[in-house]
Amino acid sequence: MCFLGVLHSLPTAIFRPPAIYASNTRKYDWLRANINGETDPLLETAMKAASLRFQETHRPEPLFVDPYAGCLIDPTVQMDLKKYPHHYCLATKFIDDKLLHTVNNIDGLKQVVLFTDGMDTRPYRLNWPTSSIIFDISPERIFKKSDERLKGVGAKIPRNCMFLHVPLESSNIQQNLQAKGFNGNEPSIWAIQGLSIMTLASLEEILFIVSSLAMNGCLLLGELPALLAETEIGRKSSTEKWIDKLFMTNCFRVDVISYDEVASSLGKELATGDYKNILFVAEQLRFSDDQMETWRREFQRIEEEGDEEGFEEL
């Protein structure tokens, strides 16, 4: 049986303050969002997100500071410092704060799994506590290139933490995570932002991976494309009910988070315009496969000891 906890209010994320790193035109030909002359939509999307973080960093009162976004974007990007923050930046702030709040309340090993576009700078820009192990699941070709750029400007993860990449193209992401040290008997928190999820099958695969590996009570949060829900149900008004049913079917209790409420809690006004994502926080209701296996072995041991005691009495 699972006892559902109340989602706590979010603290302000703590950021390290290294210098803002901008890109060098001569060294960033790969940032033209194409491979062999063909447009790469995943790279384009990742660069757009990095550009939004770069621009938010340069706002008079930024929601967060990403000192590394500048080395990941096209050097010709046009700055557009609008009066109100973009939905994506509000979601980034919300996810940052929730991740830090959660890991700082975990004793011992702290496991963080990020489903990203390959240009997520959270492993470098957030102040992760000691003994944090961060896994990034993203397209390998984008991650490798951005990893080179980040290391080139001196980006480092906090001391006594570990950062590991799992290619999105892996034939078995679950096994790959476990091979790299993920432990389903230890607490974890999972986040999705930037990862391209085009089909319901892709989303269900992610939910299956998380529900198999995450301990009971662990959180999955982030952004999902609203279009996916609308495509499945055909009516925007029923999106929240559809999400609730989908997550509950996969053993998660989910809360859809209002971008307006996030903005209000931060003392900000939300930018106008339609945004195609849904912000959510979900809680794992089942036990991980590792937890179930541990208990199976314990029950088996108890039964075997009971059989031995019964045999001795005879």
C-alpha atoms as a PDB file:
ATOM      1  CA  MET A   1       0.000   0.000   0.000  1.00  0.00           C
ATOM      2  CA  CYS A   2       1.300   3.460  -0.813  1.00  0.00           C
ATOM      3  CA  PHE A   3       0.854   6.492   1.447  1.00  0.00           C
ATOM      4  CA  LEU A   4       0.800   9.533  -0.797  1.00  0.00           C
ATOM      5  CA  GLY A   5       2.794  12.534   0.366  1.00  0.00           C
ATOM      6  CA  VAL A   6       1.869  16.146  -0.123  1.00  0.00           C
ATOM      7  CA  LEU A   7       3.924  17.957  -2.750  1.00  0.00           C
ATOM      8  CA  HIS A   8       5.894  20.537  -0.807  1.00  0.00           C
ATOM      9  CA  SER A   9       6.264  24.144  -1.843  1.00  0.00           C
ATOM     10  CA  LEU A  10       9.366  24.748  -3.895  1.00  0.00           C
ATOM     11  CA  PRO A  11      12.438  26.522  -2.511  1.00  0.00           C
ATOM     12  CA  THR A  12      14.605  28.784  -4.590  1.00  0.00           C
ATOM     13  CA  ALA A  13      17.262  26.828  -6.455  1.00  0.00           C
ATOM     14  CA  ILE A  14      20.872  27.609  -5.612  1.00  0.00           C
ATOM     15  CA  PHE A  15      23.143  28.262  -8.549  1.00  0.00           C
ATOM     16  CA  ARG A  16      26.899  28.433  -8.822  1.00  0.00           C
ATOM     17  CA  PRO A  17      28.045  31.755 -10.302  1.00  0.00           C
ATOM     18  CA  PRO A  18      30.780  31.105 -12.889  1.00  0.00           C
ATOM     19  CA  ALA A  19      31.197  33.501 -15.766  1.00  0.00           C
ATOM     20  CA  ILE A  20      28.762  33.489 -18.669  1.00  0.00           C
ATOM     21  CA  TYR A  21      30.344  31.562 -21.520  1.00  0.00           C
ATOM     22  CA  ALA A  22      29.493  32.697 -25.050  1.00  0.00           C
ATOM     23  CA  SER A  23      30.170  30.792 -28.241  1.00  0.00           C
ATOM     24  CA  ASN A  24      33.009  31.370 -30.679  1.00  0.00           C
ATOM     25  CA  THR A  25      31.892  31.701 -34.299  1.00  0.00           C
ATOM     26  CA  ARG A  26      34.842  29.856 -35.809  1.00  0.00           C
ATOM     27  CA  LYS A  27      34.480  26.791 -33.571  1.00  0.00           C
ATOM     28  CA  TYR A  28      30.742  26.243 -33.782  1.00  0.00           C
ATOM     29  CA  ASP A  29      30.030  25.159 -37.327  1.00  0.00           C
ATOM     30  CA  TRP A  30      28.199  22.124 -35.934  1.00  0.00           C
ATOM     31  CA  LEU A  31      25.616  24.463 -34.436  1.00  0.00           C
ATOM     32  CA  ARG A  32      24.068  25.145 -37.815  1.00  0.00           C
ATOM     33  CA  ALA A  33      21.457  22.491 -36.965  1.00  0.00           C
ATOM     34  CA  ASN A  34      22.289  20.230 -39.855  1.00  0.00           C
ATOM     35  CA  ILE A  35      24.096  16.984 -40.441  1.00  0.00           C
ATOM     36  CA  ASN A  36      25.608  16.331 -43.870  1.00  0.00           C
ATOM     37  CA  GLY A  37      23.662  19.277 -45.244  1.00  0.00           C
ATOM     38  CA  GLU A  38      20.305  18.014 -43.929  1.00  0.00           C
ATOM     39  CA  THR A  39      18.342  19.790 -41.222  1.00  0.00           C
ATOM     40  CA  ASP A  40      18.351  18.004 -37.867  1.00  0.00           C
ATOM     41  CA  PRO A  41      15.075  18.860 -36.078  1.00  0.00           C
ATOM     42  CA  LEU A  42      16.279  17.482 -32.737  1.00  0.00           C
ATOM     43  CA  LEU A  43      19.348  19.711 -32.837  1.00  0.00           C
ATOM     44  CA  GLU A  44      17.235  22.705 -33.843  1.00  0.00           C
ATOM     45  CA  THR A  45      14.891  22.133 -30.886  1.00  0.00           C
ATOM     46  CA  ALA A  46      17.776  21.681 -28.442  1.00  0.00           C
ATOM     47  CA  MET A  47      19.417  24.886 -29.674  1.00  0.00           C
ATOM     48  CA  LYS A  48      16.165  26.812 -29.311  1.00  0.00           C
ATOM     49  CA  ALA A  49      15.845  25.683 -25.692  1.00  0.00           C
ATOM     50  CA  ALA A  50      19.465  26.638 -24.970  1.00  0.00           C
ATOM     51  CA  SER A  51      18.805  30.020 -26.571  1.00  0.00           C
ATOM     52  CA  LEU A  52      15.830  30.615 -24.272  1.00  0.00           C
ATOM     53  CA  ARG A  53      17.985  29.805 -21.239  1.00  0.00           C
ATOM     54  CA  PHE A  54      20.717  32.121 -22.542  1.00  0.00           C
ATOM     55  CA  GLN A  55      18.250  34.969 -22.944  1.00  0.00           C
ATOM     56  CA  GLU A  56      16.651  34.352 -19.531  1.00  0.00           C
ATOM     57  CA  THR A  57      20.125  34.508 -17.982  1.00  0.00           C
ATOM     58  CA  HIS A  58      20.557  38.018 -19.402  1.00  0.00           C
ATOM     59  CA  ARG A  59      17.220  39.364 -18.168  1.00  0.00           C
ATOM     60  CA  PRO A  60      17.413  42.050 -15.429  1.00  0.00           C
ATOM     61  CA  GLU A  61      15.907  39.675 -12.826  1.00  0.00           C
ATOM     62  CA  PRO A  62      16.398  36.168 -14.245  1.00  0.00           C
ATOM     63  CA  LEU A  63      14.544  33.141 -12.943  1.00  0.00           C
ATOM     64  CA  PHE A  64      17.814  31.238 -13.092  1.00  0.00           C
ATOM     65  CA  VAL A  65      21.339  31.633 -14.401  1.00  0.00           C
ATOM     66  CA  ASP A  66      22.683  29.226 -17.016  1.00  0.00           C
ATOM     67  CA  PRO A  67      26.322  30.268 -17.505  1.00  0.00           C
ATOM     68  CA  TYR A  68      26.888  27.556 -20.117  1.00  0.00           C
ATOM     69  CA  ALA A  69      23.965  28.061 -22.501  1.00  0.00           C
ATOM     70  CA  GLY A  70      25.953  30.595 -24.504  1.00  0.00           C
ATOM     71  CA  CYS A  71      28.494  28.025 -25.656  1.00  0.00           C
ATOM     72  CA  LEU A  72      25.713  25.829 -27.073  1.00  0.00           C
ATOM     73  CA  ILE A  73      23.886  28.305 -29.294  1.00  0.00           C
ATOM     74  CA  ASP A  74      24.400  29.867 -32.691  1.00  0.00           C
ATOM     75  CA  PRO A  75      26.632  32.934 -32.172  1.00  0.00           C
ATOM     76  CA  THR A  76      24.287  34.965 -34.393  1.00  0.00           C
ATOM     77  CA  VAL A  77      21.257  34.436 -32.118  1.00  0.00           C
ATOM     78  CA  GLN A  78      19.116  37.548 -31.711  1.00  0.00           C
ATOM     79  CA  MET A  79      18.448  38.577 -28.112  1.00  0.00           C
ATOM     80  CA  ASP A  80      14.752  39.046 -27.334  1.00  0.00           C
ATOM     81  CA  LEU A  81      14.458  40.096 -23.695  1.00  0.00           C
ATOM     82  CA  LYS A  82      10.697  40.250 -23.366  1.00  0.00           C
ATOM     83  CA  LYS A  83       9.050  41.731 -20.299  1.00  0.00           C
ATOM     84  CA  TYR A  84       7.585  38.427 -19.123  1.00  0.00           C
ATOM     85  CA  PRO A  85       9.374  35.053 -18.840  1.00  0.00           C
ATOM     86  CA  HIS A  86       8.757  32.295 -21.389  1.00  0.00           C
ATOM     87  CA  HIS A  87       6.744  29.218 -20.339  1.00  0.00           C
ATOM     88  CA  TYR A  88       9.811  27.051 -20.941  1.00  0.00           C
ATOM     89  CA  CYS A  89      11.902  29.134 -18.534  1.00  0.00           C
ATOM     90  CA  LEU A  90       9.229  28.969 -15.845  1.00  0.00           C
ATOM     91  CA  ALA A  91       9.142  25.187 -16.273  1.00  0.00           C
ATOM     92  CA  THR A  92      12.942  25.079 -16.073  1.00  0.00           C
ATOM     93  CA  LYS A  93      12.878  27.019 -12.804  1.00  0.00           C
ATOM     94  CA  PHE A  94      10.124  24.780 -11.406  1.00  0.00           C
ATOM     95  CA  ILE A  95      12.017  21.593 -12.314  1.00  0.00           C
ATOM     96  CA  ASP A  96      15.329  22.962 -10.993  1.00  0.00           C
ATOM     97  CA  ASP A  97      13.795  23.782  -7.623  1.00  0.00           C
ATOM     98  CA  LYS A  98      11.940  20.489  -7.308  1.00  0.00           C
ATOM     99  CA  LEU A  99      15.059  18.471  -8.160  1.00  0.00           C
ATOM    100  CA  LEU A 100      17.197  20.291  -5.605  1.00  0.00           C
ATOM    101  CA  HIS A 101      14.517  20.227  -2.919  1.00  0.00           C
ATOM    102  CA  THR A 102      14.130  16.462  -3.350  1.00  0.00           C
ATOM    103  CA  VAL A 103      17.796  15.419  -3.489  1.00  0.00           C
ATOM    104  CA  ASN A 104      18.670  17.602  -0.518  1.00  0.00           C
ATOM    105  CA  ASN A 105      16.164  15.601   1.528  1.00  0.00           C
ATOM    106  CA  ILE A 106      17.568  12.198   0.541  1.00  0.00           C
ATOM    107  CA  ASP A 107      20.099  10.540   2.842  1.00  0.00           C
ATOM    108  CA  GLY A 108      23.014   8.658   1.280  1.00  0.00           C
ATOM    109  CA  LEU A 109      23.107   8.014  -2.469  1.00  0.00           C
ATOM    110  CA  LYS A 110      21.041  10.492  -4.484  1.00  0.00           C
ATOM    111  CA  GLN A 111      20.063   9.294  -7.972  1.00  0.00           C
ATOM    112  CA  VAL A 112      18.823  11.797 -10.565  1.00  0.00           C
ATOM    113  CA  VAL A 113      17.695  10.669 -14.010  1.00  0.00           C
ATOM    114  CA  LEU A 114      17.174  13.327 -16.683  1.00  0.00           C
ATOM    115  CA  PHE A 115      15.447  12.680 -20.018  1.00  0.00           C
ATOM    116  CA  THR A 116      16.814  15.564 -22.119  1.00  0.00           C
ATOM    117  CA  ASP A 117      17.521  16.947 -25.577  1.00  0.00           C
ATOM    118  CA  GLY A 118      21.273  16.411 -25.152  1.00  0.00           C
ATOM    119  CA  MET A 119      22.012  20.042 -24.213  1.00  0.00           C
ATOM    120  CA  ASP A 120      20.781  20.041 -20.622  1.00  0.00           C
ATOM    121  CA  THR A 121      23.257  21.927 -18.412  1.00  0.00           C
ATOM    122  CA  ARG A 122      21.713  20.987 -15.052  1.00  0.00           C
ATOM    123  CA  PRO A 123      24.533  18.553 -14.158  1.00  0.00           C
ATOM    124  CA  TYR A 124      26.947  21.519 -14.311  1.00  0.00           C
ATOM    125  CA  ARG A 125      24.967  24.585 -13.244  1.00  0.00           C
ATOM    126  CA  LEU A 126      23.052  23.265 -10.213  1.00  0.00           C
ATOM    127  CA  ASN A 127      24.600  22.807  -6.774  1.00  0.00           C
ATOM    128  CA  TRP A 128      24.072  19.075  -6.379  1.00  0.00           C
ATOM    129  CA  PRO A 129      24.727  17.739  -2.879  1.00  0.00           C
ATOM    130  CA  THR A 130      27.526  15.270  -2.172  1.00  0.00           C
ATOM    131  CA  SER A 131      26.901  11.684  -3.363  1.00  0.00           C
ATOM    132  CA  SER A 132      24.600  12.698  -6.216  1.00  0.00           C
ATOM    133  CA  ILE A 133      24.778  10.513  -9.303  1.00  0.00           C
ATOM    134  CA  ILE A 134      23.175  12.080 -12.374  1.00  0.00           C
ATOM    135  CA  PHE A 135      22.137  10.106 -15.432  1.00  0.00           C
ATOM    136  CA  ASP A 136      21.359  11.906 -18.710  1.00  0.00           C
ATOM    137  CA  ILE A 137      19.259  10.030 -21.287  1.00  0.00           C
ATOM    138  CA  SER A 138      19.401  11.855 -24.616  1.00  0.00           C
ATOM    139  CA  PRO A 139      20.308  11.543 -28.335  1.00  0.00           C
ATOM    140  CA  GLU A 140      23.953  10.488 -28.394  1.00  0.00           C
ATOM    141  CA  ARG A 141      25.066  12.622 -31.365  1.00  0.00           C
ATOM    142  CA  ILE A 142      23.795  15.817 -29.742  1.00  0.00           C
ATOM    143  CA  PHE A 143      25.092  14.946 -26.295  1.00  0.00           C
ATOM    144  CA  LYS A 144      28.615  14.217 -27.543  1.00  0.00           C
ATOM    145  CA  LYS A 145      28.894  17.524 -29.367  1.00  0.00           C
ATOM    146  CA  SER A 146      27.488  19.596 -26.506  1.00  0.00           C
ATOM    147  CA  ASP A 147      29.640  17.690 -24.014  1.00  0.00           C
ATOM    148  CA  GLU A 148      32.740  18.728 -25.983  1.00  0.00           C
ATOM    149  CA  ARG A 149      31.676  22.383 -25.923  1.00  0.00           C
ATOM    150  CA  LEU A 150      30.841  22.323 -22.207  1.00  0.00           C
ATOM    151  CA  LYS A 151      34.134  20.746 -21.254  1.00  0.00           C
ATOM    152  CA  GLY A 152      35.864  23.199 -23.587  1.00  0.00           C
ATOM    153  CA  VAL A 153      34.666  26.110 -21.443  1.00  0.00           C
ATOM    154  CA  GLY A 154      35.569  24.370 -18.197  1.00  0.00           C
ATOM    155  CA  ALA A 155      32.162  23.085 -17.112  1.00  0.00           C
ATOM    156  CA  LYS A 156      32.477  20.672 -14.182  1.00  0.00           C
ATOM    157  CA  ILE A 157      30.014  18.847 -11.988  1.00  0.00           C
ATOM    158  CA  PRO A 158      30.172  19.499  -8.225  1.00  0.00           C
ATOM    159  CA  ARG A 159      32.790  17.678  -6.156  1.00  0.00           C
ATOM    160  CA  ASN A 160      31.937  14.129  -5.025  1.00  0.00           C
ATOM    161  CA  CYS A 161      29.185  13.782  -7.626  1.00  0.00           C
ATOM    162  CA  MET A 162      29.050  11.615 -10.741  1.00  0.00           C
ATOM    163  CA  PHE A 163      27.570  12.278 -14.199  1.00  0.00           C
ATOM    164  CA  LEU A 164      26.819   9.467 -16.666  1.00  0.00           C
ATOM    165  CA  HIS A 165      25.213   9.440 -20.111  1.00  0.00           C
ATOM    166  CA  VAL A 166      22.852   6.789 -21.446  1.00  0.00           C
ATOM    167  CA  PRO A 167      22.220   7.039 -25.201  1.00  0.00           C
ATOM    168  CA  LEU A 168      18.549   7.384 -26.089  1.00  0.00           C
ATOM    169  CA  GLU A 169      19.274   4.992 -28.955  1.00  0.00           C
ATOM    170  CA  SER A 170      20.181   2.172 -26.527  1.00  0.00           C
ATOM    171  CA  SER A 171      18.406  -1.074 -27.318  1.00  0.00           C
ATOM    172  CA  ASN A 172      17.540  -1.447 -23.627  1.00  0.00           C
ATOM    173  CA  ILE A 173      17.685   1.803 -21.634  1.00  0.00           C
ATOM    174  CA  GLN A 174      16.657   0.074 -18.418  1.00  0.00           C
ATOM    175  CA  GLN A 175      19.527  -2.426 -18.577  1.00  0.00           C
ATOM    176  CA  ASN A 176      21.940   0.325 -19.595  1.00  0.00           C
ATOM    177  CA  LEU A 177      21.004   2.407 -16.553  1.00  0.00           C
ATOM    178  CA  GLN A 178      21.499  -0.580 -14.267  1.00  0.00           C
ATOM    179  CA  ALA A 179      24.820  -1.437 -15.918  1.00  0.00           C
ATOM    180  CA  LYS A 180      26.011   2.104 -15.157  1.00  0.00           C
ATOM    181  CA  GLY A 181      25.124   1.719 -11.502  1.00  0.00           C
ATOM    182  CA  PHE A 182      21.473   2.696 -11.058  1.00  0.00           C
ATOM    183  CA  ASN A 183      20.056   0.952  -7.990  1.00  0.00           C
ATOM    184  CA  GLY A 184      16.330   0.358  -7.712  1.00  0.00           C
ATOM    185  CA  ASN A 185      16.688  -0.122  -3.961  1.00  0.00           C
ATOM    186  CA  GLU A 186      17.854   3.484  -3.517  1.00  0.00           C
ATOM    187  CA  PRO A 187      15.787   6.702  -3.803  1.00  0.00           C
ATOM    188  CA  SER A 188      15.715   8.548  -7.122  1.00  0.00           C
ATOM    189  CA  ILE A 189      14.038  11.448  -8.860  1.00  0.00           C
ATOM    190  CA  TRP A 190      13.298  11.582 -12.584  1.00  0.00           C
ATOM    191  CA  ALA A 191      12.722  14.580 -14.858  1.00  0.00           C
ATOM    192  CA  ILE A 192      11.714  15.069 -18.491  1.00  0.00           C
ATOM    193  CA  GLN A 193      12.437  18.300 -20.335  1.00  0.00           C
ATOM    194  CA  GLY A 194      13.495  18.738 -23.925  1.00  0.00           C
ATOM    195  CA  LEU A 195      13.296  15.081 -24.923  1.00  0.00           C
ATOM    196  CA  SER A 196      11.322  14.688 -28.148  1.00  0.00           C
ATOM    197  CA  ILE A 197       8.298  12.483 -27.420  1.00  0.00           C
ATOM    198  CA  MET A 198       6.352  12.092 -30.643  1.00  0.00           C
ATOM    199  CA  THR A 199       4.083   9.107 -29.926  1.00  0.00           C
ATOM    200  CA  LEU A 200       2.041   7.617 -27.107  1.00  0.00           C
ATOM    201  CA  ALA A 201       4.172   4.470 -27.363  1.00  0.00           C
ATOM    202  CA  SER A 202       7.315   6.511 -26.617  1.00  0.00           C
ATOM    203  CA  LEU A 203       5.715   8.068 -23.543  1.00  0.00           C
ATOM    204  CA  GLU A 204       4.487   4.698 -22.299  1.00  0.00           C
ATOM    205  CA  GLU A 205       7.984   3.273 -22.718  1.00  0.00           C
ATOM    206  CA  ILE A 206       9.361   6.047 -20.492  1.00  0.00           C
ATOM    207  CA  LEU A 207       6.670   5.399 -17.883  1.00  0.00           C
ATOM    208  CA  PHE A 208       7.472   1.681 -18.004  1.00  0.00           C
ATOM    209  CA  ILE A 209      11.193   2.331 -17.454  1.00  0.00           C
ATOM    210  CA  VAL A 210      10.546   4.651 -14.521  1.00  0.00           C
ATOM    211  CA  SER A 211       7.942   2.410 -12.898  1.00  0.00           C
ATOM    212  CA  SER A 212      10.315  -0.566 -13.168  1.00  0.00           C
ATOM    213  CA  LEU A 213      13.336   1.209 -11.668  1.00  0.00           C
ATOM    214  CA  ALA A 214      12.037   3.885  -9.272  1.00  0.00           C
ATOM    215  CA  MET A 215      11.288   3.040  -5.650  1.00  0.00           C
ATOM    216  CA  ASN A 216       7.795   3.451  -4.307  1.00  0.00           C
ATOM    217  CA  GLY A 217       7.143   7.146  -3.596  1.00  0.00           C
ATOM    218  CA  CYS A 218       9.776   8.499  -5.994  1.00  0.00           C
ATOM    219  CA  LEU A 219       8.864  11.417  -8.267  1.00  0.00           C
ATOM    220  CA  LEU A 220       8.764  11.863 -12.033  1.00  0.00           C
ATOM    221  CA  LEU A 221       8.240  15.439 -13.205  1.00  0.00           C
ATOM    222  CA  GLY A 222       8.708  17.637 -16.224  1.00  0.00           C
ATOM    223  CA  GLU A 223       7.037  18.629 -19.464  1.00  0.00           C
ATOM    224  CA  LEU A 224       5.080  16.599 -21.990  1.00  0.00           C
ATOM    225  CA  PRO A 225       3.812  17.735 -25.415  1.00  0.00           C
ATOM    226  CA  ALA A 226       0.163  18.762 -25.152  1.00  0.00           C
ATOM    227  CA  LEU A 227      -0.343  17.783 -28.779  1.00  0.00           C
ATOM    228  CA  LEU A 228       0.220  14.140 -27.847  1.00  0.00           C
ATOM    229  CA  ALA A 229      -2.740  14.182 -25.489  1.00  0.00           C
ATOM    230  CA  GLU A 230      -4.932  16.145 -27.893  1.00  0.00           C
ATOM    231  CA  THR A 231      -4.122  13.715 -30.703  1.00  0.00           C
ATOM    232  CA  GLU A 232      -5.195  10.772 -28.580  1.00  0.00           C
ATOM    233  CA  ILE A 233      -8.447  12.231 -27.235  1.00  0.00           C
ATOM    234  CA  GLY A 234      -9.303  14.855 -29.842  1.00  0.00           C
ATOM    235  CA  ARG A 235     -10.472  17.381 -27.229  1.00  0.00           C
ATOM    236  CA  LYS A 236      -8.193  19.799 -25.409  1.00  0.00           C
ATOM    237  CA  SER A 237     -10.642  20.135 -22.519  1.00  0.00           C
ATOM    238  CA  SER A 238     -10.190  16.459 -21.604  1.00  0.00           C
ATOM    239  CA  THR A 239      -6.387  16.529 -21.570  1.00  0.00           C
ATOM    240  CA  GLU A 240      -6.049  16.477 -17.778  1.00  0.00           C
ATOM    241  CA  LYS A 241      -8.388  13.495 -17.409  1.00  0.00           C
ATOM    242  CA  TRP A 242      -6.523  11.636 -20.148  1.00  0.00           C
ATOM    243  CA  ILE A 243      -3.164  12.259 -18.462  1.00  0.00           C
ATOM    244  CA  ASP A 244      -4.527  11.154 -15.100  1.00  0.00           C
ATOM    245  CA  LYS A 245      -5.813   7.888 -16.581  1.00  0.00           C
ATOM    246  CA  LEU A 246      -2.596   7.248 -18.542  1.00  0.00           C
ATOM    247  CA  PHE A 247      -0.359   7.756 -15.517  1.00  0.00           C
ATOM    248  CA  MET A 248      -2.595   5.797 -13.148  1.00  0.00           C
ATOM    249  CA  THR A 249      -2.620   2.889 -15.612  1.00  0.00           C
ATOM    250  CA  ASN A 250       1.169   2.900 -15.286  1.00  0.00           C
ATOM    251  CA  CYS A 251       1.027   3.129 -11.460  1.00  0.00           C
ATOM    252  CA  PHE A 252       1.598   6.868 -11.039  1.00  0.00           C
ATOM    253  CA  ARG A 253      -0.488   9.519  -9.350  1.00  0.00           C
ATOM    254  CA  VAL A 254      -0.097  12.708 -11.364  1.00  0.00           C
ATOM    255  CA  ASP A 255      -0.751  16.404 -10.782  1.00  0.00           C
ATOM    256  CA  VAL A 256      -0.872  18.794 -13.743  1.00  0.00           C
ATOM    257  CA  ILE A 257       0.830  22.043 -12.771  1.00  0.00           C
ATOM    258  CA  SER A 258      -0.477  25.404 -13.983  1.00  0.00           C
ATOM    259  CA  TYR A 259       2.155  27.644 -15.581  1.00  0.00           C
ATOM    260  CA  ASP A 260       0.158  30.637 -14.352  1.00  0.00           C
ATOM    261  CA  GLU A 261       0.381  29.385 -10.772  1.00  0.00           C
ATOM    262  CA  VAL A 262       4.135  28.824 -11.103  1.00  0.00           C
ATOM    263  CA  ALA A 263       4.556  32.366 -12.424  1.00  0.00           C
ATOM    264  CA  SER A 264       2.412  33.781  -9.612  1.00  0.00           C
ATOM    265  CA  SER A 265       4.386  31.886  -6.944  1.00  0.00           C
ATOM    266  CA  LEU A 266       7.563  33.489  -8.292  1.00  0.00           C
ATOM    267  CA  GLY A 267       6.055  36.951  -8.428  1.00  0.00           C
ATOM    268  CA  LYS A 268       6.080  36.945 -12.237  1.00  0.00           C
ATOM    269  CA  GLU A 269       3.563  37.389 -15.010  1.00  0.00           C
ATOM    270  CA  LEU A 270       3.364  34.769 -17.728  1.00  0.00           C
ATOM    271  CA  ALA A 271       4.214  35.706 -21.299  1.00  0.00           C
ATOM    272  CA  THR A 272       1.295  35.700 -23.699  1.00  0.00           C
ATOM    273  CA  GLY A 273       1.025  33.155 -26.484  1.00  0.00           C
ATOM    274  CA  ASP A 274       0.140  29.504 -26.860  1.00  0.00           C
ATOM    275  CA  TYR A 275       2.548  26.968 -25.376  1.00  0.00           C
ATOM    276  CA  LYS A 276       2.424  23.355 -26.486  1.00  0.00           C
ATOM    277  CA  ASN A 277       3.625  21.564 -23.348  1.00  0.00           C
ATOM    278  CA  ILE A 278       2.081  20.307 -20.104  1.00  0.00           C
ATOM    279  CA  LEU A 279       3.914  20.662 -16.787  1.00  0.00           C
ATOM    280  CA  PHE A 280       3.380  17.802 -14.332  1.00  0.00           C
ATOM    281  CA  VAL A 281       4.572  16.030 -11.178  1.00  0.00           C
ATOM    282  CA  ALA A 282       3.877  12.314 -10.735  1.00  0.00           C
ATOM    283  CA  GLU A 283       4.493   9.936  -7.822  1.00  0.00           C
ATOM    284  CA  GLN A 284       5.422   6.279  -8.197  1.00  0.00           C
ATOM    285  CA  LEU A 285       2.768   4.059  -6.551  1.00  0.00           C
ATOM    286  CA  ARG A 286       4.287   0.625  -7.087  1.00  0.00           C
ATOM    287  CA  PHE A 287       7.519  -0.910  -5.846  1.00  0.00           C
ATOM    288  CA  SER A 288      10.549  -1.109  -8.111  1.00  0.00           C
ATOM    289  CA  ASP A 289      11.604  -4.433  -9.602  1.00  0.00           C
ATOM    290  CA  ASP A 290      14.662  -4.396  -7.326  1.00  0.00           C
ATOM    291  CA  GLN A 291      12.478  -3.860  -4.261  1.00  0.00           C
ATOM    292  CA  MET A 292      10.222  -6.734  -5.279  1.00  0.00           C
ATOM    293  CA  GLU A 293      13.227  -8.996  -5.865  1.00  0.00           C
ATOM    294  CA  THR A 294      14.721  -8.101  -2.475  1.00  0.00           C
ATOM    295  CA  TRP A 295      11.487  -8.943  -0.722  1.00  0.00           C
ATOM    296  CA  ARG A 296      11.064 -12.160  -2.747  1.00  0.00           C
ATOM    297  CA  ARG A 297      14.486 -13.331  -1.585  1.00  0.00           C
ATOM    298  CA  GLU A 298      13.698 -12.390   2.021  1.00  0.00           C
ATOM    299  CA  PHE A 299      10.408 -14.295   1.969  1.00  0.00           C
ATOM    300  CA  GLN A 300      12.161 -17.257   0.404  1.00  0.00           C
ATOM    301  CA  ARG A 301      14.811 -17.181   3.130  1.00  0.00           C
ATOM    302  CA  ILE A 302      12.171 -17.037   5.856  1.00  0.00           C
ATOM    303  CA  GLU A 303      10.275 -19.958   4.313  1.00  0.00           C
ATOM    304  CA  GLU A 304      13.445 -22.017   4.002  1.00  0.00           C
ATOM    305  CA  GLU A 305      14.375 -21.323   7.636  1.00  0.00           C
ATOM    306  CA  GLY A 306      10.855 -22.304   8.686  1.00  0.00           C
ATOM    307  CA  ASP A 307      11.081 -25.579   6.752  1.00  0.00           C
ATOM    308  CA  GLU A 308      14.431 -26.373   8.401  1.00  0.00           C
ATOM    309  CA  GLU A 309      13.035 -25.705  11.873  1.00  0.00           C
ATOM    310  CA  GLY A 310      10.021 -27.919  11.160  1.00  0.00           C
ATOM    311  CA  PHE A 311      12.275 -30.747   9.935  1.00  0.00           C
ATOM    312  CA  GLU A 312      14.401 -30.539  13.110  1.00  0.00           C
ATOM    313  CA  GLU A 313      11.282 -30.835  15.307  1.00  0.00           C
ATOM    314  CA  LEU A 314      10.345 -34.040  13.493  1.00  0.00           C
END
